[in-house]
Structures are given as structure tokens and as C-alpha cells.
Amino acid sequence: MKSLDQLLKIDIDTRAKYLYEEAKKQYKRLDEKYEEFIKFSPYWAYKYALNIIKDRWLEAEPYLLKSPEVALDYTRFIIGERWPEAEPHIMKSSRWAYYYAKDVINGRWPEAEPYIMKCKDPIIICKYAHYIIRGKWKEAEKYIIKDPRSAYYYANYILRRRWIEAEPYIIKNPRCAVEYAKDVLKKRWLEAEPYIMKDPSYAIDYAKNVMKKRWKEAEPIMQNSIWWYDYQNHFNIKINREGNSYEIT
């Protein structure tokens, strides 16, 4: 074990990690003077509480609150129920607020919703609507609509129908446009085809699973995809090679 003087020369997290690992080697709690160093590092304080103390560590909790992610894990795996003191800290971190609602509250968290709906990752907003609200979240749609992946998710899993207002955004992303045509429209999406055609792999996916026939106009672009031979086999296309040119028959 390093001396106190040596420990004081190490940064907070490295010091806390070192002491946590020492405690694991000894299979017991450290002296109070060493524990004092661990509690200042939220992650290692949580690990110490979980694996060494195996219970709440009240003295460290004010420091755990400084990390919403750590506070969430401490709530889930140590407290086992809502932790009111942590909620004002967790709710302002939209991603971890969603998981707190899902895994701790197991239901809506109205106080956190203004933060969740502004999450930088709109998929989190969609998941809150999908798994927590279990339906439309009208107030949040303006934060979802401009992200093609999230707009597709919301239309397919939550609205379960076309979302016409979102289509100008979905259409510009070949992958999302193909999935939207496949899963939501369940038919060709003519307006999207010029965008889909730009990506050879998704053009092949679209031909096979939406058009269900050859897409001759896109075939010169499809040849740049690793799935080109799969496309040929799927539609039983024969190719005659003459020099560097291809004739599709």
C-alpha cells in the first residue's frame, strides 16, 4: 500500500482506482483515512460501494451526485428504488433521465420530460415515447422530425403509419428512406428513388425488398456495391464481359 504522502501526489481518479483495487485484494473495507480518498471520485466510489461495502455509502453520496450516469447506476444497483436527492441532478442529463424513468421509476417522469425531449440524440426521445409513454408524444415531435433515423423510428414504431410532415427529411437519407418504404409505406416510394439510387447497397436492398424486381436504372451504380453479385443471383442476371464494359441481359 502506498503511503498517504505518495497518494496525495496522484490525481483523484487514479488514486481512487488504486485504493479500490487494494480493497479488492484484501476482500475488505480500507481504513477510514484511505476511504476518504475514494469518495471524491464518483465512479470508483460507486464501485467501492457496490463491490466492497455492498450497501449504500452515505458519506460518498454527495460526490456520486456529480455524475448523473454514476448516480443512476448507484440508484439501480445499490439503492434499488427511487433516490429523490439524485433526481434533480439526473433529470438534467436527458439520456440518463430516460434510463432512470425506464429502469427505476418504471413509468413517466413528468418533471424530466422537458429535458428528455431536448436530448441531442433524438432516438432517446423516441424510446421514451415508445417504451415509457407507449404512444405519441406530440410536444416532442418537433425535436424528432428533422433527424431521418428518429423520424423513421417514430413513424414505424409509435405512429404506425405515414408521417407525411417528416418525409422531406427521411427521403434524403438512403437507408432511412428504404426502411420507411419497406416498413411504413410497404410499397415503392417514387419520390425517394433519386436519393436511394445514390447509395448502391441501399439501392439493391430497395430493389430486392420493396420493388421486388430489377431496378435497371440503378444497376450501373449498384455495380459499386459489395452486394452486386448477390443482386445478380437474386434476379438471375447474366453478365457478358467485353473489355471493361458490362452488358446486362
C-alpha atoms as a PDB file:
ATOM      1  CA  MET A   1       0.000   0.000   0.000  1.00  0.00           C
ATOM      2  CA  LYS A   2       1.311   3.449  -0.933  1.00  0.00           C
ATOM      3  CA  SER A   3       1.842   5.949   1.858  1.00  0.00           C
ATOM      4  CA  LEU A   4      -0.506   8.901   2.358  1.00  0.00           C
ATOM      5  CA  ASP A   5       2.187  11.232   1.067  1.00  0.00           C
ATOM      6  CA  GLN A   6       2.534   9.180  -2.103  1.00  0.00           C
ATOM      7  CA  LEU A   7      -1.234   9.073  -2.595  1.00  0.00           C
ATOM      8  CA  LEU A   8      -1.509  12.831  -2.320  1.00  0.00           C
ATOM      9  CA  LYS A   9       0.730  13.186  -5.380  1.00  0.00           C
ATOM     10  CA  ILE A  10      -1.648  11.151  -7.600  1.00  0.00           C
ATOM     11  CA  ASP A  11      -4.701  12.626  -9.358  1.00  0.00           C
ATOM     12  CA  ILE A  12      -8.102  11.959  -7.781  1.00  0.00           C
ATOM     13  CA  ASP A  13      -9.356   9.234 -10.131  1.00  0.00           C
ATOM     14  CA  THR A  14      -6.068   7.324 -10.388  1.00  0.00           C
ATOM     15  CA  ARG A  15      -5.731   7.411  -6.605  1.00  0.00           C
ATOM     16  CA  ALA A  16      -9.297   6.191  -6.106  1.00  0.00           C
ATOM     17  CA  LYS A  17      -8.801   3.369  -8.606  1.00  0.00           C
ATOM     18  CA  TYR A  18      -5.607   2.273  -6.878  1.00  0.00           C
ATOM     19  CA  LEU A  19      -7.299   2.187  -3.462  1.00  0.00           C
ATOM     20  CA  TYR A  20     -10.346   0.362  -4.800  1.00  0.00           C
ATOM     21  CA  GLU A  21      -8.094  -2.337  -6.271  1.00  0.00           C
ATOM     22  CA  GLU A  22      -6.215  -2.588  -2.972  1.00  0.00           C
ATOM     23  CA  ALA A  23      -9.525  -3.150  -1.176  1.00  0.00           C
ATOM     24  CA  LYS A  24     -10.427  -5.887  -3.659  1.00  0.00           C
ATOM     25  CA  LYS A  25      -7.128  -7.641  -2.959  1.00  0.00           C
ATOM     26  CA  GLN A  26      -7.837  -7.561   0.781  1.00  0.00           C
ATOM     27  CA  TYR A  27     -11.536  -8.528   0.415  1.00  0.00           C
ATOM     28  CA  LYS A  28     -12.497  -5.876   2.956  1.00  0.00           C
ATOM     29  CA  ARG A  29     -13.018  -2.182   3.539  1.00  0.00           C
ATOM     30  CA  LEU A  30      -9.964   0.014   3.880  1.00  0.00           C
ATOM     31  CA  ASP A  31      -9.170   2.166   6.872  1.00  0.00           C
ATOM     32  CA  GLU A  32     -11.283   5.294   7.049  1.00  0.00           C
ATOM     33  CA  LYS A  33      -8.316   7.523   6.183  1.00  0.00           C
ATOM     34  CA  TYR A  34      -7.985   5.709   2.819  1.00  0.00           C
ATOM     35  CA  GLU A  35     -11.722   5.533   2.128  1.00  0.00           C
ATOM     36  CA  GLU A  36     -11.756   9.295   2.394  1.00  0.00           C
ATOM     37  CA  PHE A  37      -9.716   9.460  -0.827  1.00  0.00           C
ATOM     38  CA  ILE A  38     -12.029   7.131  -2.788  1.00  0.00           C
ATOM     39  CA  LYS A  39     -15.276   9.003  -2.170  1.00  0.00           C
ATOM     40  CA  PHE A  40     -14.140  12.036  -4.178  1.00  0.00           C
ATOM     41  CA  SER A  41     -14.176  10.032  -7.437  1.00  0.00           C
ATOM     42  CA  PRO A  42     -17.822   9.250  -8.348  1.00  0.00           C
ATOM     43  CA  TYR A  43     -17.133   6.164 -10.466  1.00  0.00           C
ATOM     44  CA  TRP A  44     -14.695   4.499  -8.079  1.00  0.00           C
ATOM     45  CA  ALA A  45     -16.809   5.439  -5.065  1.00  0.00           C
ATOM     46  CA  TYR A  46     -19.744   3.685  -6.715  1.00  0.00           C
ATOM     47  CA  LYS A  47     -17.614   0.613  -7.474  1.00  0.00           C
ATOM     48  CA  TYR A  48     -16.374   0.593  -3.871  1.00  0.00           C
ATOM     49  CA  ALA A  49     -19.912   0.752  -2.519  1.00  0.00           C
ATOM     50  CA  LEU A  50     -21.095  -1.951  -4.919  1.00  0.00           C
ATOM     51  CA  ASN A  51     -18.290  -4.479  -4.543  1.00  0.00           C
ATOM     52  CA  ILE A  52     -16.638  -3.748  -1.189  1.00  0.00           C
ATOM     53  CA  ILE A  53     -19.253  -2.215   1.116  1.00  0.00           C
ATOM     54  CA  LYS A  54     -22.099  -3.987  -0.740  1.00  0.00           C
ATOM     55  CA  ASP A  55     -24.515  -1.366   0.530  1.00  0.00           C
ATOM     56  CA  ARG A  56     -25.133   2.359   0.465  1.00  0.00           C
ATOM     57  CA  TRP A  57     -22.155   4.549   1.263  1.00  0.00           C
ATOM     58  CA  LEU A  58     -23.799   7.629   2.744  1.00  0.00           C
ATOM     59  CA  GLU A  59     -20.592   9.624   3.114  1.00  0.00           C
ATOM     60  CA  ALA A  60     -19.851   9.312  -0.603  1.00  0.00           C
ATOM     61  CA  GLU A  61     -23.340  10.099  -1.909  1.00  0.00           C
ATOM     62  CA  PRO A  62     -22.856  13.884  -2.225  1.00  0.00           C
ATOM     63  CA  TYR A  63     -19.939  13.157  -4.581  1.00  0.00           C
ATOM     64  CA  LEU A  64     -21.808  10.475  -6.551  1.00  0.00           C
ATOM     65  CA  LEU A  65     -24.407  13.100  -7.427  1.00  0.00           C
ATOM     66  CA  LYS A  66     -21.812  14.921  -9.512  1.00  0.00           C
ATOM     67  CA  SER A  67     -22.100  12.253 -12.214  1.00  0.00           C
ATOM     68  CA  PRO A  68     -25.683  11.586 -13.439  1.00  0.00           C
ATOM     69  CA  GLU A  69     -24.620   8.281 -15.010  1.00  0.00           C
ATOM     70  CA  VAL A  70     -22.990   7.066 -11.800  1.00  0.00           C
ATOM     71  CA  ALA A  71     -25.928   8.297  -9.710  1.00  0.00           C
ATOM     72  CA  LEU A  72     -28.252   6.289 -11.951  1.00  0.00           C
ATOM     73  CA  ASP A  73     -26.224   3.088 -11.543  1.00  0.00           C
ATOM     74  CA  TYR A  74     -25.953   3.652  -7.779  1.00  0.00           C
ATOM     75  CA  THR A  75     -29.740   4.001  -7.648  1.00  0.00           C
ATOM     76  CA  ARG A  76     -30.393   0.922  -9.754  1.00  0.00           C
ATOM     77  CA  PHE A  77     -27.885  -1.497  -8.305  1.00  0.00           C
ATOM     78  CA  ILE A  78     -27.424  -0.363  -4.707  1.00  0.00           C
ATOM     79  CA  ILE A  79     -30.452   1.634  -3.512  1.00  0.00           C
ATOM     80  CA  GLY A  80     -32.947  -0.352  -5.567  1.00  0.00           C
ATOM     81  CA  GLU A  81     -35.644   2.308  -5.528  1.00  0.00           C
ATOM     82  CA  ARG A  82     -36.065   5.991  -6.315  1.00  0.00           C
ATOM     83  CA  TRP A  83     -33.372   8.275  -4.918  1.00  0.00           C
ATOM     84  CA  PRO A  84     -35.101  11.653  -4.510  1.00  0.00           C
ATOM     85  CA  GLU A  85     -31.900  13.557  -3.715  1.00  0.00           C
ATOM     86  CA  ALA A  86     -30.381  12.472  -7.014  1.00  0.00           C
ATOM     87  CA  GLU A  87     -33.344  13.220  -9.241  1.00  0.00           C
ATOM     88  CA  PRO A  88     -32.671  16.956  -9.760  1.00  0.00           C
ATOM     89  CA  HIS A  89     -29.178  16.022 -10.967  1.00  0.00           C
ATOM     90  CA  ILE A  90     -30.169  13.073 -13.152  1.00  0.00           C
ATOM     91  CA  MET A  91     -33.146  14.731 -14.839  1.00  0.00           C
ATOM     92  CA  LYS A  92     -30.990  17.437 -16.408  1.00  0.00           C
ATOM     93  CA  SER A  93     -28.956  14.835 -18.280  1.00  0.00           C
ATOM     94  CA  SER A  94     -31.525  13.750 -20.845  1.00  0.00           C
ATOM     95  CA  ARG A  95     -30.071  10.342 -21.731  1.00  0.00           C
ATOM     96  CA  TRP A  96     -29.740   9.213 -18.103  1.00  0.00           C
ATOM     97  CA  ALA A  97     -33.125  10.730 -17.262  1.00  0.00           C
ATOM     98  CA  TYR A  98     -34.678   8.376 -19.817  1.00  0.00           C
ATOM     99  CA  TYR A  99     -32.989   5.365 -18.257  1.00  0.00           C
ATOM    100  CA  TYR A 100     -33.993   6.496 -14.763  1.00  0.00           C
ATOM    101  CA  ALA A 101     -37.623   6.651 -15.898  1.00  0.00           C
ATOM    102  CA  LYS A 102     -37.328   3.251 -17.574  1.00  0.00           C
ATOM    103  CA  ASP A 103     -35.306   1.311 -15.018  1.00  0.00           C
ATOM    104  CA  VAL A 104     -36.092   2.998 -11.704  1.00  0.00           C
ATOM    105  CA  ILE A 105     -39.468   4.733 -11.938  1.00  0.00           C
ATOM    106  CA  ASN A 106     -40.803   2.249 -14.492  1.00  0.00           C
ATOM    107  CA  GLY A 107     -43.114   4.922 -15.861  1.00  0.00           C
ATOM    108  CA  ARG A 108     -43.380   8.524 -16.936  1.00  0.00           C
ATOM    109  CA  TRP A 109     -41.274  11.162 -15.220  1.00  0.00           C
ATOM    110  CA  PRO A 110     -43.126  14.413 -15.958  1.00  0.00           C
ATOM    111  CA  GLU A 111     -40.572  16.675 -14.259  1.00  0.00           C
ATOM    112  CA  ALA A 112     -37.794  15.339 -16.516  1.00  0.00           C
ATOM    113  CA  GLU A 113     -39.695  15.378 -19.799  1.00  0.00           C
ATOM    114  CA  PRO A 114     -38.709  18.953 -20.765  1.00  0.00           C
ATOM    115  CA  TYR A 115     -35.079  17.791 -20.612  1.00  0.00           C
ATOM    116  CA  ILE A 116     -35.598  14.389 -22.264  1.00  0.00           C
ATOM    117  CA  MET A 117     -37.382  15.857 -25.265  1.00  0.00           C
ATOM    118  CA  LYS A 118     -34.353  18.045 -25.999  1.00  0.00           C
ATOM    119  CA  CYS A 119     -31.862  15.176 -25.961  1.00  0.00           C
ATOM    120  CA  LYS A 120     -29.085  15.576 -28.518  1.00  0.00           C
ATOM    121  CA  ASP A 121     -29.770  12.001 -29.625  1.00  0.00           C
ATOM    122  CA  PRO A 122     -33.395  12.038 -30.846  1.00  0.00           C
ATOM    123  CA  ILE A 123     -33.546   8.239 -30.683  1.00  0.00           C
ATOM    124  CA  ILE A 124     -33.672   8.614 -26.884  1.00  0.00           C
ATOM    125  CA  ILE A 125     -36.734  10.838 -27.307  1.00  0.00           C
ATOM    126  CA  CYS A 126     -38.328   8.177 -29.500  1.00  0.00           C
ATOM    127  CA  LYS A 127     -37.549   5.456 -26.988  1.00  0.00           C
ATOM    128  CA  TYR A 128     -39.174   7.463 -24.217  1.00  0.00           C
ATOM    129  CA  ALA A 129     -42.316   7.769 -26.331  1.00  0.00           C
ATOM    130  CA  HIS A 130     -42.148   4.093 -27.310  1.00  0.00           C
ATOM    131  CA  TYR A 131     -41.356   2.407 -24.005  1.00  0.00           C
ATOM    132  CA  ILE A 132     -42.498   4.909 -21.380  1.00  0.00           C
ATOM    133  CA  ILE A 133     -45.397   6.881 -22.841  1.00  0.00           C
ATOM    134  CA  ARG A 134     -46.302   3.978 -25.121  1.00  0.00           C
ATOM    135  CA  GLY A 135     -47.718   6.285 -27.747  1.00  0.00           C
ATOM    136  CA  LYS A 136     -47.470   9.655 -29.414  1.00  0.00           C
ATOM    137  CA  TRP A 137     -45.525  12.416 -27.733  1.00  0.00           C
ATOM    138  CA  LYS A 138     -46.827  15.407 -29.616  1.00  0.00           C
ATOM    139  CA  GLU A 139     -44.747  18.002 -27.749  1.00  0.00           C
ATOM    140  CA  ALA A 140     -41.517  16.213 -28.674  1.00  0.00           C
ATOM    141  CA  GLU A 141     -42.198  15.677 -32.377  1.00  0.00           C
ATOM    142  CA  LYS A 142     -40.511  18.942 -33.365  1.00  0.00           C
ATOM    143  CA  TYR A 143     -37.254  17.598 -31.902  1.00  0.00           C
ATOM    144  CA  ILE A 144     -37.579  14.251 -33.713  1.00  0.00           C
ATOM    145  CA  ILE A 145     -38.799  15.208 -37.159  1.00  0.00           C
ATOM    146  CA  LYS A 146     -35.581  16.578 -38.653  1.00  0.00           C
ATOM    147  CA  ASP A 147     -33.461  13.528 -37.834  1.00  0.00           C
ATOM    148  CA  PRO A 148     -34.147  10.888 -40.546  1.00  0.00           C
ATOM    149  CA  ARG A 149     -33.348   7.865 -38.368  1.00  0.00           C
ATOM    150  CA  SER A 150     -35.530   9.073 -35.500  1.00  0.00           C
ATOM    151  CA  ALA A 151     -38.336  10.192 -37.776  1.00  0.00           C
ATOM    152  CA  TYR A 152     -38.434   6.720 -39.330  1.00  0.00           C
ATOM    153  CA  TYR A 153     -38.397   5.118 -35.862  1.00  0.00           C
ATOM    154  CA  TYR A 154     -41.235   7.349 -34.664  1.00  0.00           C
ATOM    155  CA  ALA A 155     -43.370   6.698 -37.747  1.00  0.00           C
ATOM    156  CA  ASN A 156     -42.804   2.944 -37.714  1.00  0.00           C
ATOM    157  CA  TYR A 157     -42.931   2.067 -34.025  1.00  0.00           C
ATOM    158  CA  ILE A 158     -45.048   4.822 -32.486  1.00  0.00           C
ATOM    159  CA  LEU A 159     -47.369   6.340 -35.068  1.00  0.00           C
ATOM    160  CA  ARG A 160     -47.505   3.054 -37.008  1.00  0.00           C
ATOM    161  CA  ARG A 161     -48.434   4.973 -40.132  1.00  0.00           C
ATOM    162  CA  ARG A 162     -47.088   7.503 -42.606  1.00  0.00           C
ATOM    163  CA  TRP A 163     -45.700  10.676 -41.136  1.00  0.00           C
ATOM    164  CA  ILE A 164     -46.064  12.961 -44.106  1.00  0.00           C
ATOM    165  CA  GLU A 165     -44.546  16.002 -42.373  1.00  0.00           C
ATOM    166  CA  ALA A 166     -41.327  14.041 -41.753  1.00  0.00           C
ATOM    167  CA  GLU A 167     -40.935  12.633 -45.245  1.00  0.00           C
ATOM    168  CA  PRO A 168     -38.924  15.602 -46.627  1.00  0.00           C
ATOM    169  CA  TYR A 169     -36.267  14.757 -44.003  1.00  0.00           C
ATOM    170  CA  ILE A 170     -36.427  10.945 -44.236  1.00  0.00           C
ATOM    171  CA  ILE A 171     -36.216  10.987 -48.016  1.00  0.00           C
ATOM    172  CA  LYS A 172     -32.691  12.410 -48.058  1.00  0.00           C
ATOM    173  CA  ASN A 173     -31.162   9.501 -46.152  1.00  0.00           C
ATOM    174  CA  PRO A 174     -30.983   6.385 -48.403  1.00  0.00           C
ATOM    175  CA  ARG A 175     -31.012   3.894 -45.542  1.00  0.00           C
ATOM    176  CA  CYS A 176     -33.939   5.517 -43.747  1.00  0.00           C
ATOM    177  CA  ALA A 177     -35.816   6.019 -46.998  1.00  0.00           C
ATOM    178  CA  VAL A 178     -35.550   2.299 -47.811  1.00  0.00           C
ATOM    179  CA  GLU A 179     -36.643   1.276 -44.311  1.00  0.00           C
ATOM    180  CA  TYR A 180     -39.533   3.743 -44.419  1.00  0.00           C
ATOM    181  CA  ALA A 181     -40.697   2.405 -47.792  1.00  0.00           C
ATOM    182  CA  LYS A 182     -40.317  -1.177 -46.566  1.00  0.00           C
ATOM    183  CA  ASP A 183     -41.850  -0.922 -43.113  1.00  0.00           C
ATOM    184  CA  VAL A 184     -44.193   2.077 -43.195  1.00  0.00           C
ATOM    185  CA  LEU A 185     -45.341   2.636 -46.779  1.00  0.00           C
ATOM    186  CA  LYS A 186     -44.997  -1.052 -47.695  1.00  0.00           C
ATOM    187  CA  LYS A 187     -44.653  -0.055 -51.334  1.00  0.00           C
ATOM    188  CA  ARG A 188     -42.428   1.885 -53.723  1.00  0.00           C
ATOM    189  CA  TRP A 189     -41.629   5.442 -52.769  1.00  0.00           C
ATOM    190  CA  LEU A 190     -41.098   7.062 -56.135  1.00  0.00           C
ATOM    191  CA  GLU A 191     -40.111  10.468 -54.766  1.00  0.00           C
ATOM    192  CA  ALA A 192     -37.302   8.869 -52.747  1.00  0.00           C
ATOM    193  CA  GLU A 193     -35.791   6.803 -55.547  1.00  0.00           C
ATOM    194  CA  PRO A 194     -33.375   9.504 -56.823  1.00  0.00           C
ATOM    195  CA  TYR A 195     -31.909   9.676 -53.301  1.00  0.00           C
ATOM    196  CA  ILE A 196     -31.857   5.900 -52.751  1.00  0.00           C
ATOM    197  CA  MET A 197     -30.147   5.368 -56.086  1.00  0.00           C
ATOM    198  CA  LYS A 198     -27.116   7.323 -54.865  1.00  0.00           C
ATOM    199  CA  ASP A 199     -26.171   4.543 -52.446  1.00  0.00           C
ATOM    200  CA  PRO A 200     -25.543   1.273 -54.306  1.00  0.00           C
ATOM    201  CA  SER A 201     -26.086  -1.017 -51.322  1.00  0.00           C
ATOM    202  CA  TYR A 202     -29.395   0.517 -50.297  1.00  0.00           C
ATOM    203  CA  ALA A 203     -30.466   0.647 -53.927  1.00  0.00           C
ATOM    204  CA  ILE A 204     -30.012  -3.132 -54.023  1.00  0.00           C
ATOM    205  CA  ASP A 205     -31.955  -3.524 -50.775  1.00  0.00           C
ATOM    206  CA  TYR A 206     -34.759  -1.376 -52.228  1.00  0.00           C
ATOM    207  CA  ALA A 207     -34.931  -3.375 -55.468  1.00  0.00           C
ATOM    208  CA  LYS A 208     -34.995  -6.723 -53.662  1.00  0.00           C
ATOM    209  CA  ASN A 209     -37.318  -5.912 -50.781  1.00  0.00           C
ATOM    210  CA  VAL A 210     -39.531  -3.057 -51.961  1.00  0.00           C
ATOM    211  CA  MET A 211     -39.703  -3.139 -55.755  1.00  0.00           C
ATOM    212  CA  LYS A 212     -39.222  -6.923 -55.778  1.00  0.00           C
ATOM    213  CA  LYS A 213     -37.859  -6.699 -59.291  1.00  0.00           C
ATOM    214  CA  ARG A 214     -34.827  -5.451 -61.179  1.00  0.00           C
ATOM    215  CA  TRP A 215     -34.137  -1.740 -60.999  1.00  0.00           C
ATOM    216  CA  LYS A 216     -32.397  -1.305 -64.308  1.00  0.00           C
ATOM    217  CA  GLU A 217     -31.894   2.449 -63.997  1.00  0.00           C
ATOM    218  CA  ALA A 218     -29.878   1.941 -60.830  1.00  0.00           C
ATOM    219  CA  GLU A 219     -27.816  -1.046 -61.960  1.00  0.00           C
ATOM    220  CA  PRO A 220     -24.806   0.964 -63.231  1.00  0.00           C
ATOM    221  CA  ILE A 221     -24.496   2.423 -59.701  1.00  0.00           C
ATOM    222  CA  MET A 222     -25.239  -0.887 -57.987  1.00  0.00           C
ATOM    223  CA  GLN A 223     -22.104  -2.371 -59.547  1.00  0.00           C
ATOM    224  CA  ASN A 224     -20.102  -0.415 -56.966  1.00  0.00           C
ATOM    225  CA  SER A 225     -21.649  -2.358 -54.083  1.00  0.00           C
ATOM    226  CA  ILE A 226     -20.239  -5.450 -52.412  1.00  0.00           C
ATOM    227  CA  TRP A 227     -23.797  -6.834 -52.758  1.00  0.00           C
ATOM    228  CA  TRP A 228     -23.771  -6.547 -56.539  1.00  0.00           C
ATOM    229  CA  TYR A 229     -23.247 -10.284 -57.119  1.00  0.00           C
ATOM    230  CA  ASP A 230     -25.973 -11.043 -54.607  1.00  0.00           C
ATOM    231  CA  TYR A 231     -28.291  -8.811 -56.658  1.00  0.00           C
ATOM    232  CA  GLN A 232     -27.318 -10.641 -59.846  1.00  0.00           C
ATOM    233  CA  ASN A 233     -28.026 -14.016 -58.291  1.00  0.00           C
ATOM    234  CA  HIS A 234     -31.273 -12.842 -56.730  1.00  0.00           C
ATOM    235  CA  PHE A 235     -32.688 -11.762 -60.078  1.00  0.00           C
ATOM    236  CA  ASN A 236     -30.825 -14.375 -62.124  1.00  0.00           C
ATOM    237  CA  ILE A 237     -28.969 -11.772 -64.167  1.00  0.00           C
ATOM    238  CA  LYS A 238     -26.403 -12.895 -66.718  1.00  0.00           C
ATOM    239  CA  ILE A 239     -23.469 -10.644 -67.498  1.00  0.00           C
ATOM    240  CA  ASN A 240     -21.398 -10.625 -70.653  1.00  0.00           C
ATOM    241  CA  ARG A 241     -17.987  -9.050 -70.162  1.00  0.00           C
ATOM    242  CA  GLU A 242     -16.427  -7.270 -73.088  1.00  0.00           C
ATOM    243  CA  GLY A 243     -13.298  -5.410 -72.119  1.00  0.00           C
ATOM    244  CA  ASN A 244     -14.178  -3.129 -69.223  1.00  0.00           C
ATOM    245  CA  SER A 245     -17.849  -2.758 -70.130  1.00  0.00           C
ATOM    246  CA  TYR A 246     -20.767  -4.753 -68.859  1.00  0.00           C
ATOM    247  CA  GLU A 247     -23.872  -5.711 -70.750  1.00  0.00           C
ATOM    248  CA  ILE A 248     -26.756  -6.769 -68.530  1.00  0.00           C
ATOM    249  CA  THR A 249     -29.151  -9.148 -70.237  1.00  0.00           C
END
